[in-house]
């Protein structure tokens, strides 16, 4: 698994998303380790390109989960970091599960 190239020594994945989520209008897979939140994606058919976003769990200050839509409900997770804020969107159950796993770690 190419994600292993980005894990620190003795860092283990505790949670991974069942489906990709939307971050910055791109599809990412979400992983949570003992130390970090990792968003990972591979794009390209012939020339593969990896994109990785990581954030130390200690930098997460606040979480806000919201449900949007009436028929096709989606989940929105806003994560307030020390210096920034990120927004992750996806299927309601997937985002709710991500929210719960992050809460357990912080």
PDB file of N, CA and C in Angstrom:
ATOM      1  N   UNK A   1       0.851  -1.179   0.000  1.00  0.00           N
ATOM      2  CA  UNK A   1       0.000   0.000   0.000  1.00  0.00           C
ATOM      3  C   UNK A   1       0.895   1.239   0.000  1.00  0.00           C
ATOM      4  N   UNK A   2       0.751   2.150  -0.955  1.00  0.00           N
ATOM      5  CA  UNK A   2       1.598   3.329  -1.042  1.00  0.00           C
ATOM      6  C   UNK A   2       1.510   4.248   0.179  1.00  0.00           C
ATOM      7  N   UNK A   3       0.396   4.204   0.908  1.00  0.00           N
ATOM      8  CA  UNK A   3       0.272   5.035   2.099  1.00  0.00           C
ATOM      9  C   UNK A   3       1.376   4.716   3.098  1.00  0.00           C
ATOM     10  N   UNK A   4       1.819   3.478   3.137  1.00  0.00           N
ATOM     11  CA  UNK A   4       2.857   3.069   4.080  1.00  0.00           C
ATOM     12  C   UNK A   4       4.124   3.903   3.921  1.00  0.00           C
ATOM     13  N   UNK A   5       4.356   4.447   2.737  1.00  0.00           N
ATOM     14  CA  UNK A   5       5.514   5.306   2.511  1.00  0.00           C
ATOM     15  C   UNK A   5       5.441   6.596   3.327  1.00  0.00           C
ATOM     16  N   UNK A   6       4.250   6.968   3.778  1.00  0.00           N
ATOM     17  CA  UNK A   6       4.058   8.228   4.480  1.00  0.00           C
ATOM     18  C   UNK A   6       3.837   8.053   5.983  1.00  0.00           C
ATOM     19  N   UNK A   7       3.823   6.818   6.452  1.00  0.00           N
ATOM     20  CA  UNK A   7       3.667   6.572   7.878  1.00  0.00           C
ATOM     21  C   UNK A   7       5.004   6.727   8.580  1.00  0.00           C
ATOM     22  N   UNK A   8       4.950   7.234   9.797  1.00  0.00           N
ATOM     23  CA  UNK A   8       6.149   7.377  10.615  1.00  0.00           C
ATOM     24  C   UNK A   8       6.519   6.025  11.213  1.00  0.00           C
ATOM     25  N   UNK A   9       7.747   5.865  11.691  1.00  0.00           N
ATOM     26  CA  UNK A   9       8.114   4.604  12.331  1.00  0.00           C
ATOM     27  C   UNK A   9       7.180   4.298  13.513  1.00  0.00           C
ATOM     28  N   UNK A  10       6.772   3.068  13.608  1.00  0.00           N
ATOM     29  CA  UNK A  10       5.868   2.589  14.670  1.00  0.00           C
ATOM     30  C   UNK A  10       4.499   3.273  14.663  1.00  0.00           C
ATOM     31  N   UNK A  11       4.082   3.822  13.542  1.00  0.00           N
ATOM     32  CA  UNK A  11       2.764   4.450  13.431  1.00  0.00           C
ATOM     33  C   UNK A  11       1.823   3.451  12.761  1.00  0.00           C
ATOM     34  N   UNK A  12       0.677   3.236  13.358  1.00  0.00           N
ATOM     35  CA  UNK A  12      -0.292   2.266  12.844  1.00  0.00           C
ATOM     36  C   UNK A  12      -1.600   2.947  12.494  1.00  0.00           C
ATOM     37  N   UNK A  13      -2.228   2.483  11.429  1.00  0.00           N
ATOM     38  CA  UNK A  13      -3.533   3.003  11.027  1.00  0.00           C
ATOM     39  C   UNK A  13      -4.593   2.385  11.928  1.00  0.00           C
ATOM     40  N   UNK A  14      -5.361   3.254  12.608  1.00  0.00           N
ATOM     41  CA  UNK A  14      -6.426   2.804  13.498  1.00  0.00           C
ATOM     42  C   UNK A  14      -7.791   2.855  12.819  1.00  0.00           C
ATOM     43  N   UNK A  15      -7.923   3.714  11.817  1.00  0.00           N
ATOM     44  CA  UNK A  15      -9.199   3.888  11.111  1.00  0.00           C
ATOM     45  C   UNK A  15      -8.901   4.271   9.679  1.00  0.00           C
ATOM     46  N   UNK A  16      -9.677   3.711   8.770  1.00  0.00           N
ATOM     47  CA  UNK A  16      -9.629   4.168   7.380  1.00  0.00           C
ATOM     48  C   UNK A  16     -11.054   4.222   6.839  1.00  0.00           C
ATOM     49  N   UNK A  17     -11.306   5.207   6.006  1.00  0.00           N
ATOM     50  CA  UNK A  17     -12.656   5.406   5.471  1.00  0.00           C
ATOM     51  C   UNK A  17     -13.027   4.276   4.517  1.00  0.00           C
ATOM     52  N   UNK A  18     -14.307   3.954   4.502  1.00  0.00           N
ATOM     53  CA  UNK A  18     -14.795   2.913   3.594  1.00  0.00           C
ATOM     54  C   UNK A  18     -14.863   3.416   2.159  1.00  0.00           C
ATOM     55  N   UNK A  19     -15.148   4.692   2.013  1.00  0.00           N
ATOM     56  CA  UNK A  19     -15.242   5.329   0.699  1.00  0.00           C
ATOM     57  C   UNK A  19     -14.459   6.637   0.745  1.00  0.00           C
ATOM     58  N   UNK A  20     -14.057   7.143  -0.403  1.00  0.00           N
ATOM     59  CA  UNK A  20     -13.371   8.439  -0.392  1.00  0.00           C
ATOM     60  C   UNK A  20     -14.329   9.558   0.014  1.00  0.00           C
ATOM     61  N   UNK A  21     -13.755  10.610   0.577  1.00  0.00           N
ATOM     62  CA  UNK A  21     -14.513  11.789   0.968  1.00  0.00           C
ATOM     63  C   UNK A  21     -14.028  12.963   0.124  1.00  0.00           C
ATOM     64  N   UNK A  22     -14.767  14.038   0.148  1.00  0.00           N
ATOM     65  CA  UNK A  22     -14.413  15.211  -0.640  1.00  0.00           C
ATOM     66  C   UNK A  22     -13.705  16.231   0.252  1.00  0.00           C
ATOM     67  N   UNK A  23     -12.522  16.624  -0.184  1.00  0.00           N
ATOM     68  CA  UNK A  23     -11.747  17.668   0.487  1.00  0.00           C
ATOM     69  C   UNK A  23     -11.142  18.541  -0.600  1.00  0.00           C
ATOM     70  N   UNK A  24     -11.415  19.833  -0.556  1.00  0.00           N
ATOM     71  CA  UNK A  24     -10.944  20.775  -1.580  1.00  0.00           C
ATOM     72  C   UNK A  24     -11.376  20.325  -2.976  1.00  0.00           C
ATOM     73  N   UNK A  25     -12.594  19.843  -3.086  1.00  0.00           N
ATOM     74  CA  UNK A  25     -13.193  19.392  -4.341  1.00  0.00           C
ATOM     75  C   UNK A  25     -12.439  18.239  -5.005  1.00  0.00           C
ATOM     76  N   UNK A  26     -11.735  17.461  -4.206  1.00  0.00           N
ATOM     77  CA  UNK A  26     -11.044  16.267  -4.675  1.00  0.00           C
ATOM     78  C   UNK A  26     -11.414  15.112  -3.760  1.00  0.00           C
ATOM     79  N   UNK A  27     -11.326  13.900  -4.272  1.00  0.00           N
ATOM     80  CA  UNK A  27     -11.652  12.703  -3.499  1.00  0.00           C
ATOM     81  C   UNK A  27     -10.395  12.168  -2.805  1.00  0.00           C
ATOM     82  N   UNK A  28     -10.492  12.031  -1.489  1.00  0.00           N
ATOM     83  CA  UNK A  28      -9.394  11.524  -0.668  1.00  0.00           C
ATOM     84  C   UNK A  28      -9.879  10.361   0.180  1.00  0.00           C
ATOM     85  N   UNK A  29      -8.971   9.456   0.512  1.00  0.00           N
ATOM     86  CA  UNK A  29      -9.212   8.426   1.506  1.00  0.00           C
ATOM     87  C   UNK A  29      -8.716   8.979   2.833  1.00  0.00           C
ATOM     88  N   UNK A  30      -9.445   8.698   3.897  1.00  0.00           N
ATOM     89  CA  UNK A  30      -9.090   9.217   5.219  1.00  0.00           C
ATOM     90  C   UNK A  30      -8.518   8.092   6.073  1.00  0.00           C
ATOM     91  N   UNK A  31      -7.423   8.410   6.755  1.00  0.00           N
ATOM     92  CA  UNK A  31      -6.790   7.478   7.691  1.00  0.00           C
ATOM     93  C   UNK A  31      -6.531   8.215   8.998  1.00  0.00           C
ATOM     94  N   UNK A  32      -6.717   7.515  10.101  1.00  0.00           N
ATOM     95  CA  UNK A  32      -6.376   8.059  11.407  1.00  0.00           C
ATOM     96  C   UNK A  32      -5.390   7.102  12.058  1.00  0.00           C
ATOM     97  N   UNK A  33      -4.281   7.664  12.527  1.00  0.00           N
ATOM     98  CA  UNK A  33      -3.289   6.878  13.247  1.00  0.00           C
ATOM     99  C   UNK A  33      -3.290   7.340  14.706  1.00  0.00           C
ATOM    100  N   UNK A  34      -2.362   6.839  15.483  1.00  0.00           N
ATOM    101  CA  UNK A  34      -2.264   7.273  16.878  1.00  0.00           C
ATOM    102  C   UNK A  34      -1.921   8.756  16.975  1.00  0.00           C
ATOM    103  N   UNK A  35      -1.263   9.284  15.945  1.00  0.00           N
ATOM    104  CA  UNK A  35      -0.741  10.643  15.997  1.00  0.00           C
ATOM    105  C   UNK A  35      -1.360  11.617  15.016  1.00  0.00           C
ATOM    106  N   UNK A  36      -1.830  11.097  13.855  1.00  0.00           N
ATOM    107  CA  UNK A  36      -2.184  12.011  12.773  1.00  0.00           C
ATOM    108  C   UNK A  36      -3.484  11.660  12.073  1.00  0.00           C
ATOM    109  N   UNK A  37      -4.040  12.684  11.457  1.00  0.00           N
ATOM    110  CA  UNK A  37      -5.130  12.556  10.496  1.00  0.00           C
ATOM    111  C   UNK A  37      -4.459  12.653   9.129  1.00  0.00           C
ATOM    112  N   UNK A  38      -4.717  11.671   8.264  1.00  0.00           N
ATOM    113  CA  UNK A  38      -4.075  11.632   6.950  1.00  0.00           C
ATOM    114  C   UNK A  38      -5.146  11.555   5.870  1.00  0.00           C
ATOM    115  N   UNK A  39      -5.059  12.446   4.892  1.00  0.00           N
ATOM    116  CA  UNK A  39      -5.903  12.404   3.700  1.00  0.00           C
ATOM    117  C   UNK A  39      -4.980  12.037   2.548  1.00  0.00           C
ATOM    118  N   UNK A  40      -5.356  10.998   1.804  1.00  0.00           N
ATOM    119  CA  UNK A  40      -4.455  10.434   0.790  1.00  0.00           C
ATOM    120  C   UNK A  40      -5.224  10.153  -0.493  1.00  0.00           C
ATOM    121  N   UNK A  41      -4.588  10.463  -1.620  1.00  0.00           N
ATOM    122  CA  UNK A  41      -5.197  10.143  -2.914  1.00  0.00           C
ATOM    123  C   UNK A  41      -4.127   9.875  -3.956  1.00  0.00           C
ATOM    124  N   UNK A  42      -4.518   9.066  -4.921  1.00  0.00           N
ATOM    125  CA  UNK A  42      -3.684   8.814  -6.098  1.00  0.00           C
ATOM    126  C   UNK A  42      -4.514   9.233  -7.303  1.00  0.00           C
ATOM    127  N   UNK A  43      -3.932  10.013  -8.187  1.00  0.00           N
ATOM    128  CA  UNK A  43      -4.640  10.431  -9.393  1.00  0.00           C
ATOM    129  C   UNK A  43      -3.794  10.083 -10.611  1.00  0.00           C
ATOM    130  N   UNK A  44      -4.428  10.101 -11.743  1.00  0.00           N
ATOM    131  CA  UNK A  44      -3.735   9.813 -12.998  1.00  0.00           C
ATOM    132  C   UNK A  44      -3.877   8.362 -13.411  1.00  0.00           C
ATOM    133  N   UNK A  45      -4.009   8.146 -14.696  1.00  0.00           N
ATOM    134  CA  UNK A  45      -4.172   6.793 -15.216  1.00  0.00           C
ATOM    135  C   UNK A  45      -2.807   6.215 -15.606  1.00  0.00           C
ATOM    136  N   UNK A  46      -2.058   6.949 -16.385  1.00  0.00           N
ATOM    137  CA  UNK A  46      -0.755   6.465 -16.822  1.00  0.00           C
ATOM    138  C   UNK A  46       0.347   6.966 -15.884  1.00  0.00           C
ATOM    139  N   UNK A  47       0.369   8.262 -15.662  1.00  0.00           N
ATOM    140  CA  UNK A  47       1.364   8.856 -14.770  1.00  0.00           C
ATOM    141  C   UNK A  47       0.702   9.106 -13.423  1.00  0.00           C
ATOM    142  N   UNK A  48       0.933   8.216 -12.489  1.00  0.00           N
ATOM    143  CA  UNK A  48       0.315   8.299 -11.165  1.00  0.00           C
ATOM    144  C   UNK A  48       0.937   9.441 -10.364  1.00  0.00           C
ATOM    145  N   UNK A  49       0.059  10.135  -9.642  1.00  0.00           N
ATOM    146  CA  UNK A  49       0.505  11.237  -8.801  1.00  0.00           C
ATOM    147  C   UNK A  49      -0.164  11.086  -7.438  1.00  0.00           C
ATOM    148  N   UNK A  50       0.638  11.115  -6.389  1.00  0.00           N
ATOM    149  CA  UNK A  50       0.109  10.997  -5.042  1.00  0.00           C
ATOM    150  C   UNK A  50      -0.051  12.381  -4.428  1.00  0.00           C
ATOM    151  N   UNK A  51      -1.080  12.515  -3.599  1.00  0.00           N
ATOM    152  CA  UNK A  51      -1.311  13.753  -2.876  1.00  0.00           C
ATOM    153  C   UNK A  51      -1.633  13.371  -1.440  1.00  0.00           C
ATOM    154  N   UNK A  52      -0.951  13.991  -0.489  1.00  0.00           N
ATOM    155  CA  UNK A  52      -1.108  13.639   0.916  1.00  0.00           C
ATOM    156  C   UNK A  52      -1.259  14.911   1.736  1.00  0.00           C
ATOM    157  N   UNK A  53      -2.241  14.913   2.616  1.00  0.00           N
ATOM    158  CA  UNK A  53      -2.441  15.979   3.588  1.00  0.00           C
ATOM    159  C   UNK A  53      -2.405  15.324   4.956  1.00  0.00           C
ATOM    160  N   UNK A  54      -1.565  15.807   5.854  1.00  0.00           N
ATOM    161  CA  UNK A  54      -1.509  15.243   7.200  1.00  0.00           C
ATOM    162  C   UNK A  54      -1.635  16.359   8.225  1.00  0.00           C
ATOM    163  N   UNK A  55      -2.226  16.027   9.332  1.00  0.00           N
ATOM    164  CA  UNK A  55      -2.344  16.978  10.436  1.00  0.00           C
ATOM    165  C   UNK A  55      -2.178  16.225  11.737  1.00  0.00           C
ATOM    166  N   UNK A  56      -1.347  16.761  12.605  1.00  0.00           N
ATOM    167  CA  UNK A  56      -1.131  16.168  13.913  1.00  0.00           C
ATOM    168  C   UNK A  56      -2.430  16.284  14.713  1.00  0.00           C
ATOM    169  N   UNK A  57      -2.834  15.218  15.359  1.00  0.00           N
ATOM    170  CA  UNK A  57      -4.086  15.238  16.125  1.00  0.00           C
ATOM    171  C   UNK A  57      -4.041  16.253  17.258  1.00  0.00           C
ATOM    172  N   UNK A  58      -2.852  16.586  17.739  1.00  0.00           N
ATOM    173  CA  UNK A  58      -2.742  17.601  18.802  1.00  0.00           C
ATOM    174  C   UNK A  58      -3.150  18.982  18.304  1.00  0.00           C
ATOM    175  N   UNK A  59      -3.110  19.211  16.995  1.00  0.00           N
ATOM    176  CA  UNK A  59      -3.458  20.516  16.434  1.00  0.00           C
ATOM    177  C   UNK A  59      -4.957  20.684  16.201  1.00  0.00           C
ATOM    178  N   UNK A  60      -5.727  19.631  16.402  1.00  0.00           N
ATOM    179  CA  UNK A  60      -7.174  19.716  16.219  1.00  0.00           C
ATOM    180  C   UNK A  60      -7.785  20.367  17.454  1.00  0.00           C
ATOM    181  N   UNK A  61      -8.441  21.488  17.259  1.00  0.00           N
ATOM    182  CA  UNK A  61      -8.990  22.258  18.373  1.00  0.00           C
ATOM    183  C   UNK A  61     -10.489  22.060  18.550  1.00  0.00           C
ATOM    184  N   UNK A  62     -11.202  21.880  17.439  1.00  0.00           N
ATOM    185  CA  UNK A  62     -12.652  21.792  17.527  1.00  0.00           C
ATOM    186  C   UNK A  62     -13.184  21.042  16.311  1.00  0.00           C
ATOM    187  N   UNK A  63     -14.271  20.298  16.515  1.00  0.00           N
ATOM    188  CA  UNK A  63     -14.937  19.579  15.428  1.00  0.00           C
ATOM    189  C   UNK A  63     -16.377  20.064  15.342  1.00  0.00           C
ATOM    190  N   UNK A  64     -16.870  20.184  14.124  1.00  0.00           N
ATOM    191  CA  UNK A  64     -18.275  20.551  13.921  1.00  0.00           C
ATOM    192  C   UNK A  64     -18.847  19.638  12.844  1.00  0.00           C
ATOM    193  N   UNK A  65     -19.820  18.818  13.228  1.00  0.00           N
ATOM    194  CA  UNK A  65     -20.486  17.913  12.291  1.00  0.00           C
ATOM    195  C   UNK A  65     -21.830  18.510  11.926  1.00  0.00           C
ATOM    196  N   UNK A  66     -22.165  18.469  10.637  1.00  0.00           N
ATOM    197  CA  UNK A  66     -23.423  19.027  10.160  1.00  0.00           C
ATOM    198  C   UNK A  66     -23.993  18.115   9.082  1.00  0.00           C
ATOM    199  N   UNK A  67     -25.288  18.052   9.019  1.00  0.00           N
ATOM    200  CA  UNK A  67     -25.992  17.263   8.009  1.00  0.00           C
ATOM    201  C   UNK A  67     -26.649  18.229   7.033  1.00  0.00           C
ATOM    202  N   UNK A  68     -26.446  18.001   5.726  1.00  0.00           N
ATOM    203  CA  UNK A  68     -27.055  18.872   4.730  1.00  0.00           C
ATOM    204  C   UNK A  68     -27.865  18.028   3.753  1.00  0.00           C
ATOM    205  N   UNK A  69     -28.800  18.686   3.076  1.00  0.00           N
ATOM    206  CA  UNK A  69     -29.626  18.005   2.089  1.00  0.00           C
ATOM    207  C   UNK A  69     -30.904  17.468   2.705  1.00  0.00           C
ATOM    208  N   UNK A  70     -31.902  17.269   1.854  1.00  0.00           N
ATOM    209  CA  UNK A  70     -33.171  16.732   2.345  1.00  0.00           C
ATOM    210  C   UNK A  70     -33.381  15.300   1.860  1.00  0.00           C
ATOM    211  N   UNK A  71     -33.170  15.057   0.596  1.00  0.00           N
ATOM    212  CA  UNK A  71     -33.360  13.713   0.068  1.00  0.00           C
ATOM    213  C   UNK A  71     -32.032  12.959   0.073  1.00  0.00           C
ATOM    214  N   UNK A  72     -31.022  13.531  -0.524  1.00  0.00           N
ATOM    215  CA  UNK A  72     -29.684  12.942  -0.524  1.00  0.00           C
ATOM    216  C   UNK A  72     -28.867  13.608   0.578  1.00  0.00           C
ATOM    217  N   UNK A  73     -28.960  13.067   1.746  1.00  0.00           N
ATOM    218  CA  UNK A  73     -28.291  13.676   2.890  1.00  0.00           C
ATOM    219  C   UNK A  73     -26.794  13.407   2.842  1.00  0.00           C
ATOM    220  N   UNK A  74     -26.051  14.446   3.140  1.00  0.00           N
ATOM    221  CA  UNK A  74     -24.598  14.361   3.192  1.00  0.00           C
ATOM    222  C   UNK A  74     -24.126  14.883   4.531  1.00  0.00           C
ATOM    223  N   UNK A  75     -22.952  14.468   4.896  1.00  0.00           N
ATOM    224  CA  UNK A  75     -22.343  14.954   6.122  1.00  0.00           C
ATOM    225  C   UNK A  75     -21.231  15.927   5.801  1.00  0.00           C
ATOM    226  N   UNK A  76     -21.096  16.920   6.662  1.00  0.00           N
ATOM    227  CA  UNK A  76     -20.023  17.907   6.536  1.00  0.00           C
ATOM    228  C   UNK A  76     -19.305  17.947   7.878  1.00  0.00           C
ATOM    229  N   UNK A  77     -17.999  17.769   7.844  1.00  0.00           N
ATOM    230  CA  UNK A  77     -17.192  17.831   9.051  1.00  0.00           C
ATOM    231  C   UNK A  77     -16.213  18.986   8.905  1.00  0.00           C
ATOM    232  N   UNK A  78     -16.341  19.969   9.793  1.00  0.00           N
ATOM    233  CA  UNK A  78     -15.406  21.089   9.822  1.00  0.00           C
ATOM    234  C   UNK A  78     -14.462  20.859  10.992  1.00  0.00           C
ATOM    235  N   UNK A  79     -13.189  20.926  10.706  1.00  0.00           N
ATOM    236  CA  UNK A  79     -12.172  20.693  11.721  1.00  0.00           C
ATOM    237  C   UNK A  79     -11.381  21.985  11.885  1.00  0.00           C
ATOM    238  N   UNK A  80     -11.460  22.552  13.083  1.00  0.00           N
ATOM    239  CA  UNK A  80     -10.707  23.760  13.400  1.00  0.00           C
ATOM    240  C   UNK A  80      -9.338  23.335  13.900  1.00  0.00           C
ATOM    241  N   UNK A  81      -8.323  23.804  13.204  1.00  0.00           N
ATOM    242  CA  UNK A  81      -6.944  23.490  13.553  1.00  0.00           C
ATOM    243  C   UNK A  81      -6.323  24.688  14.253  1.00  0.00           C
ATOM    244  N   UNK A  82      -5.101  24.555  14.671  1.00  0.00           N
ATOM    245  CA  UNK A  82      -4.409  25.650  15.349  1.00  0.00           C
ATOM    246  C   UNK A  82      -4.366  26.895  14.475  1.00  0.00           C
ATOM    247  N   UNK A  83      -4.089  26.731  13.175  1.00  0.00           N
ATOM    248  CA  UNK A  83      -3.928  27.884  12.286  1.00  0.00           C
ATOM    249  C   UNK A  83      -4.887  27.916  11.115  1.00  0.00           C
ATOM    250  N   UNK A  84      -5.724  26.916  10.975  1.00  0.00           N
ATOM    251  CA  UNK A  84      -6.529  26.794   9.763  1.00  0.00           C
ATOM    252  C   UNK A  84      -7.825  26.053  10.082  1.00  0.00           C
ATOM    253  N   UNK A  85      -8.647  25.895   9.081  1.00  0.00           N
ATOM    254  CA  UNK A  85      -9.868  25.106   9.200  1.00  0.00           C
ATOM    255  C   UNK A  85     -10.017  24.299   7.915  1.00  0.00           C
ATOM    256  N   UNK A  86     -10.388  23.024   8.065  1.00  0.00           N
ATOM    257  CA  UNK A  86     -10.621  22.201   6.886  1.00  0.00           C
ATOM    258  C   UNK A  86     -12.051  21.698   6.919  1.00  0.00           C
ATOM    259  N   UNK A  87     -12.572  21.410   5.728  1.00  0.00           N
ATOM    260  CA  UNK A  87     -13.941  20.911   5.603  1.00  0.00           C
ATOM    261  C   UNK A  87     -13.914  19.641   4.765  1.00  0.00           C
ATOM    262  N   UNK A  88     -14.510  18.600   5.315  1.00  0.00           N
ATOM    263  CA  UNK A  88     -14.578  17.307   4.651  1.00  0.00           C
ATOM    264  C   UNK A  88     -16.041  16.970   4.447  1.00  0.00           C
ATOM    265  N   UNK A  89     -16.404  16.549   3.225  1.00  0.00           N
ATOM    266  CA  UNK A  89     -17.791  16.205   2.899  1.00  0.00           C
ATOM    267  C   UNK A  89     -17.863  14.781   2.371  1.00  0.00           C
ATOM    268  N   UNK A  90     -19.018  14.157   2.574  1.00  0.00           N
ATOM    269  CA  UNK A  90     -19.212  12.824   2.055  1.00  0.00           C
ATOM    270  C   UNK A  90     -20.545  12.253   2.472  1.00  0.00           C
ATOM    271  N   UNK A  91     -20.715  10.960   2.268  1.00  0.00           N
ATOM    272  CA  UNK A  91     -21.952  10.295   2.665  1.00  0.00           C
ATOM    273  C   UNK A  91     -22.143  10.467   4.163  1.00  0.00           C
ATOM    274  N   UNK A  92     -23.379  10.649   4.556  1.00  0.00           N
ATOM    275  CA  UNK A  92     -23.708  10.964   5.942  1.00  0.00           C
ATOM    276  C   UNK A  92     -23.102   9.969   6.930  1.00  0.00           C
ATOM    277  N   UNK A  93     -23.283   8.686   6.694  1.00  0.00           N
ATOM    278  CA  UNK A  93     -22.770   7.674   7.625  1.00  0.00           C
ATOM    279  C   UNK A  93     -21.249   7.665   7.678  1.00  0.00           C
ATOM    280  N   UNK A  94     -20.598   7.893   6.551  1.00  0.00           N
ATOM    281  CA  UNK A  94     -19.134   7.908   6.511  1.00  0.00           C
ATOM    282  C   UNK A  94     -18.570   9.078   7.316  1.00  0.00           C
ATOM    283  N   UNK A  95     -19.156  10.246   7.150  1.00  0.00           N
ATOM    284  CA  UNK A  95     -18.667  11.435   7.855  1.00  0.00           C
ATOM    285  C   UNK A  95     -18.984  11.327   9.346  1.00  0.00           C
ATOM    286  N   UNK A  96     -20.126  10.776   9.681  1.00  0.00           N
ATOM    287  CA  UNK A  96     -20.461  10.575  11.092  1.00  0.00           C
ATOM    288  C   UNK A  96     -19.463   9.615  11.751  1.00  0.00           C
ATOM    289  N   UNK A  97     -19.108   8.534  11.063  1.00  0.00           N
ATOM    290  CA  UNK A  97     -18.126   7.581  11.597  1.00  0.00           C
ATOM    291  C   UNK A  97     -16.761   8.252  11.770  1.00  0.00           C
ATOM    292  N   UNK A  98     -16.361   9.058  10.803  1.00  0.00           N
ATOM    293  CA  UNK A  98     -15.098   9.783  10.888  1.00  0.00           C
ATOM    294  C   UNK A  98     -15.120  10.726  12.088  1.00  0.00           C
ATOM    295  N   UNK A  99     -16.197  11.455  12.263  1.00  0.00           N
ATOM    296  CA  UNK A  99     -16.367  12.365  13.388  1.00  0.00           C
ATOM    297  C   UNK A  99     -16.207  11.625  14.711  1.00  0.00           C
ATOM    298  N   UNK A 100     -16.833  10.469  14.832  1.00  0.00           N
ATOM    299  CA  UNK A 100     -16.763   9.700  16.068  1.00  0.00           C
ATOM    300  C   UNK A 100     -15.354   9.176  16.329  1.00  0.00           C
ATOM    301  N   UNK A 101     -14.664   8.718  15.301  1.00  0.00           N
ATOM    302  CA  UNK A 101     -13.303   8.221  15.483  1.00  0.00           C
ATOM    303  C   UNK A 101     -12.338   9.336  15.874  1.00  0.00           C
ATOM    304  N   UNK A 102     -12.496  10.498  15.275  1.00  0.00           N
ATOM    305  CA  UNK A 102     -11.623  11.619  15.646  1.00  0.00           C
ATOM    306  C   UNK A 102     -11.898  12.029  17.089  1.00  0.00           C
ATOM    307  N   UNK A 103     -13.167  12.055  17.490  1.00  0.00           N
ATOM    308  CA  UNK A 103     -13.505  12.412  18.865  1.00  0.00           C
ATOM    309  C   UNK A 103     -12.846  11.480  19.867  1.00  0.00           C
ATOM    310  N   UNK A 104     -12.778  10.213  19.541  1.00  0.00           N
ATOM    311  CA  UNK A 104     -12.153   9.246  20.436  1.00  0.00           C
ATOM    312  C   UNK A 104     -10.660   9.510  20.607  1.00  0.00           C
ATOM    313  N   UNK A 105     -10.031  10.057  19.573  1.00  0.00           N
ATOM    314  CA  UNK A 105      -8.583  10.246  19.605  1.00  0.00           C
ATOM    315  C   UNK A 105      -8.156  11.570  20.219  1.00  0.00           C
ATOM    316  N   UNK A 106      -9.035  12.576  20.219  1.00  0.00           N
ATOM    317  CA  UNK A 106      -8.590  13.878  20.755  1.00  0.00           C
ATOM    318  C   UNK A 106      -9.152  14.153  22.133  1.00  0.00           C
TER     319      UNK A 106
END
